[in-house]
Amino acid sequence: DGVVSIDVSDLGLTIADLEKKIPTHNFSLESSGYQSTSRLPDVDDEGCYWVENPEDIDVTLRIPGLRGQPAEALNVLFSTTTTSITAFGRIVWSTIQMGISDTDDCSFLSLD
């Protein structure tokens, strides 16, 4: 019937151990990846590289024509659960965050 059983009795775990919540300070979760910034469905330009961990989100944009533009061309819109980056007033990348953010503690830095 496809059921696989593995004996883990040597680990000394109990059902109560498995039901305990994992304290967040005991591990760190980080995810990263590339996403397209093109609005064309068949074009994957990998124009955005992002890294998110419990403390922050780092985003690197590589959009043709963006380098050399004034810093004011970029903006970041923060909410408690999402972040969006705009270039010339147009959203080019958005994310749904792993956690909740305090929008009063959010900031961004634009570098060439």
Protein backbone atom coordinates (compact mmCIF):
# COMPACT_ATOMS: atom_id res chain seq x y z
CA ASP A 1 0.00 0.00 0.00
CA GLY A 2 3.03 2.32 -0.27
CA VAL A 3 3.40 3.03 3.47
CA VAL A 4 7.01 3.32 4.57
CA SER A 5 7.92 2.87 8.23
CA ILE A 6 11.28 3.82 9.75
CA ASP A 7 12.37 2.95 13.28
CA VAL A 8 13.65 6.09 15.01
CA SER A 9 13.38 4.84 18.58
CA ASP A 10 17.14 5.30 19.01
CA LEU A 11 16.60 9.10 18.82
CA GLY A 12 14.82 9.08 22.17
CA LEU A 13 11.98 11.33 20.93
CA THR A 14 8.46 11.23 22.26
CA ILE A 15 5.22 12.40 20.69
CA ALA A 16 5.27 15.31 23.17
CA ASP A 17 8.69 16.33 21.77
CA LEU A 18 7.28 16.40 18.25
CA GLU A 19 4.30 18.51 19.30
CA LYS A 20 6.43 21.31 20.80
CA LYS A 21 6.71 24.57 18.90
CA ILE A 22 10.17 25.25 17.48
CA PRO A 23 11.64 28.42 19.03
CA THR A 24 12.45 30.88 16.24
CA HIS A 25 15.77 31.85 17.84
CA ASN A 26 17.12 28.32 17.27
CA PHE A 27 17.28 28.57 13.50
CA SER A 28 17.30 31.06 10.68
CA LEU A 29 15.36 30.75 7.46
CA GLU A 30 16.62 32.49 4.36
CA SER A 31 15.33 32.27 0.83
CA SER A 32 16.52 33.85 -2.38
CA GLY A 33 15.94 33.80 -6.09
CA TYR A 34 15.71 35.61 -9.38
CA GLN A 35 12.53 37.04 -10.85
CA SER A 36 11.75 38.74 -14.10
CA THR A 37 11.02 42.45 -14.21
CA SER A 38 9.71 42.24 -17.78
CA ARG A 39 6.00 42.59 -18.26
CA LEU A 40 6.18 40.25 -21.25
CA PRO A 41 5.06 36.75 -20.21
CA ASP A 42 7.60 34.91 -22.39
CA VAL A 43 10.60 37.06 -21.33
CA ASP A 44 12.51 36.03 -18.19
CA ASP A 45 15.18 38.72 -17.83
CA GLU A 46 16.11 37.80 -14.22
CA GLY A 47 16.11 41.55 -13.63
CA CYS A 48 15.62 41.16 -9.89
CA TYR A 49 17.71 39.17 -7.44
CA TRP A 50 16.23 39.01 -3.92
CA VAL A 51 17.27 37.59 -0.57
CA GLU A 52 14.85 37.48 2.37
CA ASN A 53 15.54 36.42 5.93
CA PRO A 54 13.69 37.11 9.20
CA GLU A 55 15.49 40.46 9.56
CA ASP A 56 15.35 42.05 6.10
CA ILE A 57 14.91 41.82 2.34
CA ASP A 58 17.76 42.70 -0.02
CA VAL A 59 16.83 43.33 -3.65
CA THR A 60 19.18 43.96 -6.57
CA LEU A 61 17.60 45.27 -9.77
CA ARG A 62 19.31 44.96 -13.15
CA ILE A 63 16.90 46.69 -15.47
CA PRO A 64 18.25 47.94 -18.81
CA GLY A 65 18.14 51.72 -18.93
CA LEU A 66 17.93 52.15 -15.15
CA ARG A 67 21.66 52.68 -14.47
CA GLY A 68 22.63 56.31 -14.56
CA GLN A 69 19.11 57.52 -13.87
CA PRO A 70 18.52 59.84 -10.90
CA ALA A 71 18.02 58.16 -7.52
CA GLU A 72 14.56 59.71 -7.39
CA ALA A 73 13.54 57.36 -10.23
CA LEU A 74 13.26 54.55 -7.65
CA ASN A 75 10.92 54.25 -4.73
CA VAL A 76 9.89 51.48 -2.34
CA LEU A 77 6.34 51.06 -1.08
CA PHE A 78 6.06 49.33 2.30
CA SER A 79 3.09 47.71 3.98
CA THR A 80 3.00 45.33 6.93
CA THR A 81 3.11 42.25 4.67
CA THR A 82 4.25 43.42 1.22
CA THR A 83 7.03 45.42 -0.39
CA SER A 84 6.94 46.91 -3.90
CA ILE A 85 9.70 48.64 -5.84
CA THR A 86 8.82 51.27 -8.41
CA ALA A 87 10.91 52.71 -11.22
CA PHE A 88 9.61 55.97 -12.67
CA GLY A 89 6.33 55.43 -10.79
CA ARG A 90 5.71 51.97 -12.25
CA ILE A 91 5.84 48.87 -10.01
CA VAL A 92 8.62 46.62 -11.31
CA TRP A 93 8.76 44.10 -8.46
CA SER A 94 6.61 43.10 -5.49
CA THR A 95 6.84 40.52 -2.74
CA ILE A 96 4.66 39.05 -0.05
CA GLN A 97 6.91 38.88 3.01
CA MET A 98 7.52 35.87 5.25
CA GLY A 99 6.52 37.91 8.31
CA ILE A 100 5.01 41.17 9.51
CA SER A 101 6.91 44.45 9.20
CA ASP A 102 6.70 47.61 11.25
CA THR A 103 6.35 50.16 8.44
CA ASP A 104 7.77 52.90 10.69
CA ASP A 105 11.02 50.88 10.84
CA CYS A 106 11.29 50.23 7.06
CA SER A 107 13.82 52.02 4.86
CA PHE A 108 15.58 51.59 1.55
CA LEU A 109 18.90 52.52 0.01
CA SER A 110 19.50 53.02 -3.70
CA LEU A 111 23.01 52.35 -5.01
CA ASP A 112 24.42 52.28 -8.54
